[in-house]
Amino acid sequence: MRLVASSNSAPASVNRYLLPHEQDVVTIRRHPAVLVGPVGAVLGTLIVAGFLSNTQLADTPAALAIIWWLWLLVLVWFVWQVAEWSVDYFVITSARLLLTTGLITRQVNMMPLGKVTDMRFERTLMGRFLGYGTFVMESAGQDQALSKIAFIPYPEQLYLEVVGLIFKE
């Protein structure tokens, strides 16, 4: 019984890293809560820019332009963060766990399921409220590339899915 529905529509950016004998079990993006900080930054700087526009600092058109150009830079940074979030995937296959990240510089972290010696998930109060958690994995080796994965949606179901793959009957 599958606890999490497989997307079966993993993007080509993920499929190119799968081996021919592997089956894609689950492919998900990180939880949108990753973007809470950037959204707060955009809204906060919008409020500051609006406030500064109505003060003596913005008496000249050049000063007003600088204020809004700075806010525009923050907005462009936000769009970049959303674009990066949209191409980051956590993949559970029949043989390993993968985390693909990066828009320009692509990074693929992997851990074979057979090497996972200890795994747990953590949920903060905010994580419980919004529906995300953090996977923490350990293996026999040191300095694992895939040891902590934050902002995983529905972590209980994914945890059970991974444990079910590790301890097949």
Protein backbone atom coordinates (compact mmCIF):
# COMPACT_ATOMS: atom_id res chain seq x y z
CA MET A 1 0.00 0.00 0.00
CA ARG A 2 1.48 3.32 -1.07
CA LEU A 3 1.10 6.08 1.52
CA VAL A 4 2.07 8.91 -0.80
CA ALA A 5 0.87 8.98 -4.38
CA SER A 6 3.69 8.81 -6.89
CA SER A 7 3.66 11.74 -9.23
CA ASN A 8 4.69 9.61 -12.26
CA SER A 9 5.40 12.93 -13.88
CA ALA A 10 8.88 13.58 -12.61
CA PRO A 11 10.48 16.30 -14.70
CA ALA A 12 13.27 15.52 -17.13
CA SER A 13 15.65 17.37 -14.81
CA VAL A 14 15.11 14.55 -12.30
CA ASN A 15 14.67 11.58 -14.64
CA ARG A 16 18.13 12.04 -16.12
CA TYR A 17 19.62 11.04 -12.74
CA LEU A 18 17.65 7.81 -12.39
CA LEU A 19 19.24 4.48 -13.29
CA PRO A 20 17.45 2.18 -15.76
CA HIS A 21 16.55 -0.37 -13.07
CA GLU A 22 15.27 2.23 -10.57
CA GLN A 23 11.62 2.97 -10.03
CA ASP A 24 10.59 6.48 -9.07
CA VAL A 25 8.53 6.05 -5.90
CA VAL A 26 7.97 9.69 -4.90
CA THR A 27 9.14 12.96 -6.44
CA ILE A 28 8.22 16.11 -4.53
CA ARG A 29 9.25 19.72 -4.19
CA ARG A 30 10.17 21.15 -0.85
CA HIS A 31 7.34 22.76 1.05
CA PRO A 32 6.47 26.31 -0.07
CA ALA A 33 7.26 27.43 3.50
CA VAL A 34 10.83 27.73 2.19
CA LEU A 35 9.60 30.99 0.66
CA VAL A 36 8.23 32.52 3.86
CA GLY A 37 11.48 34.43 4.51
CA PRO A 38 11.73 35.85 0.99
CA VAL A 39 8.04 36.85 1.00
CA GLY A 40 8.58 38.60 4.33
CA ALA A 41 11.63 40.39 2.92
CA VAL A 42 9.71 41.63 -0.12
CA LEU A 43 6.74 42.81 1.94
CA GLY A 44 8.97 44.37 4.60
CA THR A 45 11.04 46.29 2.08
CA LEU A 46 7.86 47.36 0.27
CA ILE A 47 6.56 48.87 3.50
CA VAL A 48 9.91 50.55 4.17
CA ALA A 49 10.07 51.89 0.60
CA GLY A 50 6.53 53.22 0.87
CA PHE A 51 7.31 54.87 4.19
CA LEU A 52 10.58 56.40 2.93
CA SER A 53 8.80 57.70 -0.18
CA ASN A 54 6.68 59.90 2.08
CA THR A 55 9.56 61.36 4.09
CA GLN A 56 12.04 64.13 3.46
CA LEU A 57 14.56 61.54 2.24
CA ALA A 58 12.60 61.25 -0.99
CA ASP A 59 12.26 64.97 -1.74
CA THR A 60 14.28 64.66 -4.94
CA PRO A 61 13.31 62.43 -7.86
CA ALA A 62 16.75 60.79 -7.75
CA ALA A 63 16.33 59.73 -4.10
CA LEU A 64 12.84 58.42 -4.83
CA ALA A 65 14.18 56.43 -7.77
CA ILE A 66 16.97 54.94 -5.63
CA ILE A 67 14.46 53.81 -3.00
CA TRP A 68 12.27 52.04 -5.54
CA TRP A 69 15.19 50.60 -7.52
CA LEU A 70 16.47 49.04 -4.30
CA TRP A 71 13.05 47.54 -3.68
CA LEU A 72 13.03 46.25 -7.26
CA LEU A 73 16.35 44.47 -6.57
CA VAL A 74 14.74 42.75 -3.58
CA LEU A 75 11.81 41.75 -5.81
CA VAL A 76 14.19 40.29 -8.42
CA TRP A 77 15.94 38.34 -5.64
CA PHE A 78 12.53 36.99 -4.57
CA VAL A 79 11.72 35.86 -8.11
CA TRP A 80 15.11 34.10 -8.19
CA GLN A 81 14.28 32.29 -4.93
CA VAL A 82 10.94 31.13 -6.35
CA ALA A 83 12.65 29.92 -9.54
CA GLU A 84 15.20 27.95 -7.51
CA TRP A 85 12.45 26.42 -5.37
CA SER A 86 10.59 25.35 -8.51
CA VAL A 87 13.52 23.22 -9.77
CA ASP A 88 14.52 21.64 -6.43
CA TYR A 89 13.22 18.10 -5.92
CA PHE A 90 13.43 15.39 -3.28
CA VAL A 91 13.22 11.98 -4.94
CA ILE A 92 12.66 8.60 -3.33
CA THR A 93 13.40 5.70 -5.66
CA SER A 94 13.42 1.97 -5.13
CA ALA A 95 17.18 2.10 -4.50
CA ARG A 96 18.16 5.53 -3.15
CA LEU A 97 17.24 9.00 -1.98
CA LEU A 98 18.14 12.02 -4.13
CA LEU A 99 18.00 15.75 -3.58
CA THR A 100 18.44 17.88 -6.70
CA THR A 101 18.99 21.60 -6.21
CA GLY A 102 20.17 24.63 -8.12
CA LEU A 103 18.98 26.63 -11.08
CA ILE A 104 22.31 27.41 -12.73
CA THR A 105 24.74 25.20 -10.80
CA ARG A 106 22.96 21.86 -10.50
CA GLN A 107 23.74 19.82 -7.41
CA VAL A 108 22.57 16.23 -6.95
CA ASN A 109 22.97 14.64 -3.52
CA MET A 110 22.32 10.93 -3.15
CA MET A 111 22.23 8.25 -0.50
CA PRO A 112 21.59 4.55 -1.21
CA LEU A 113 18.70 3.17 0.84
CA GLY A 114 20.91 0.30 1.99
CA LYS A 115 23.40 2.73 3.58
CA VAL A 116 20.85 4.48 5.80
CA THR A 117 21.63 3.36 9.35
CA ASP A 118 19.48 5.86 11.21
CA MET A 119 16.70 8.15 10.08
CA ARG A 120 14.36 10.48 11.87
CA PHE A 121 12.17 13.44 11.12
CA GLU A 122 11.69 16.58 13.14
CA ARG A 123 8.77 18.98 13.17
CA THR A 124 8.86 22.38 14.77
CA LEU A 125 5.69 24.10 15.93
CA MET A 126 5.65 26.11 12.70
CA GLY A 127 6.27 22.90 10.76
CA ARG A 128 3.27 21.27 12.38
CA PHE A 129 1.12 24.28 11.65
CA LEU A 130 2.19 24.57 7.99
CA GLY A 131 2.71 20.86 7.29
CA TYR A 132 6.44 20.35 6.82
CA GLY A 133 9.34 18.72 8.61
CA THR A 134 13.05 17.91 8.39
CA PHE A 135 14.56 14.52 7.59
CA VAL A 136 17.82 13.70 9.37
CA MET A 137 19.69 10.65 8.06
CA GLU A 138 22.88 8.94 9.14
CA SER A 139 24.94 6.26 7.50
CA ALA A 140 28.09 4.30 8.27
CA GLY A 141 30.31 6.81 6.42
CA GLN A 142 31.23 10.31 7.51
CA ASP A 143 30.34 13.66 5.93
CA GLN A 144 27.31 12.50 4.02
CA ALA A 145 26.08 14.71 1.20
CA LEU A 146 22.50 13.93 2.12
CA SER A 147 22.25 14.12 5.89
CA LYS A 148 19.62 16.79 6.53
CA ILE A 149 16.71 17.75 4.27
CA ALA A 150 14.58 20.62 5.51
CA PHE A 151 11.07 21.67 4.49
CA ILE A 152 9.79 18.23 3.47
CA PRO A 153 5.99 18.20 3.05
CA TYR A 154 3.93 15.54 4.90
CA PRO A 155 6.99 14.05 6.63
CA GLU A 156 5.11 11.31 8.50
CA GLN A 157 3.89 9.68 5.29
CA LEU A 158 7.26 10.06 3.55
CA TYR A 159 9.05 8.67 6.60
CA LEU A 160 6.86 5.57 6.52
CA GLU A 161 7.41 5.25 2.77
CA VAL A 162 11.20 5.32 3.16
CA VAL A 163 11.18 2.94 6.11
CA GLY A 164 8.96 0.59 4.10
CA LEU A 165 11.51 0.61 1.27
CA ILE A 166 14.43 0.05 3.64
CA PHE A 167 12.77 -2.84 5.51
CA LYS A 168 11.07 -4.70 2.64
CA GLU A 169 9.50 -7.99 3.58
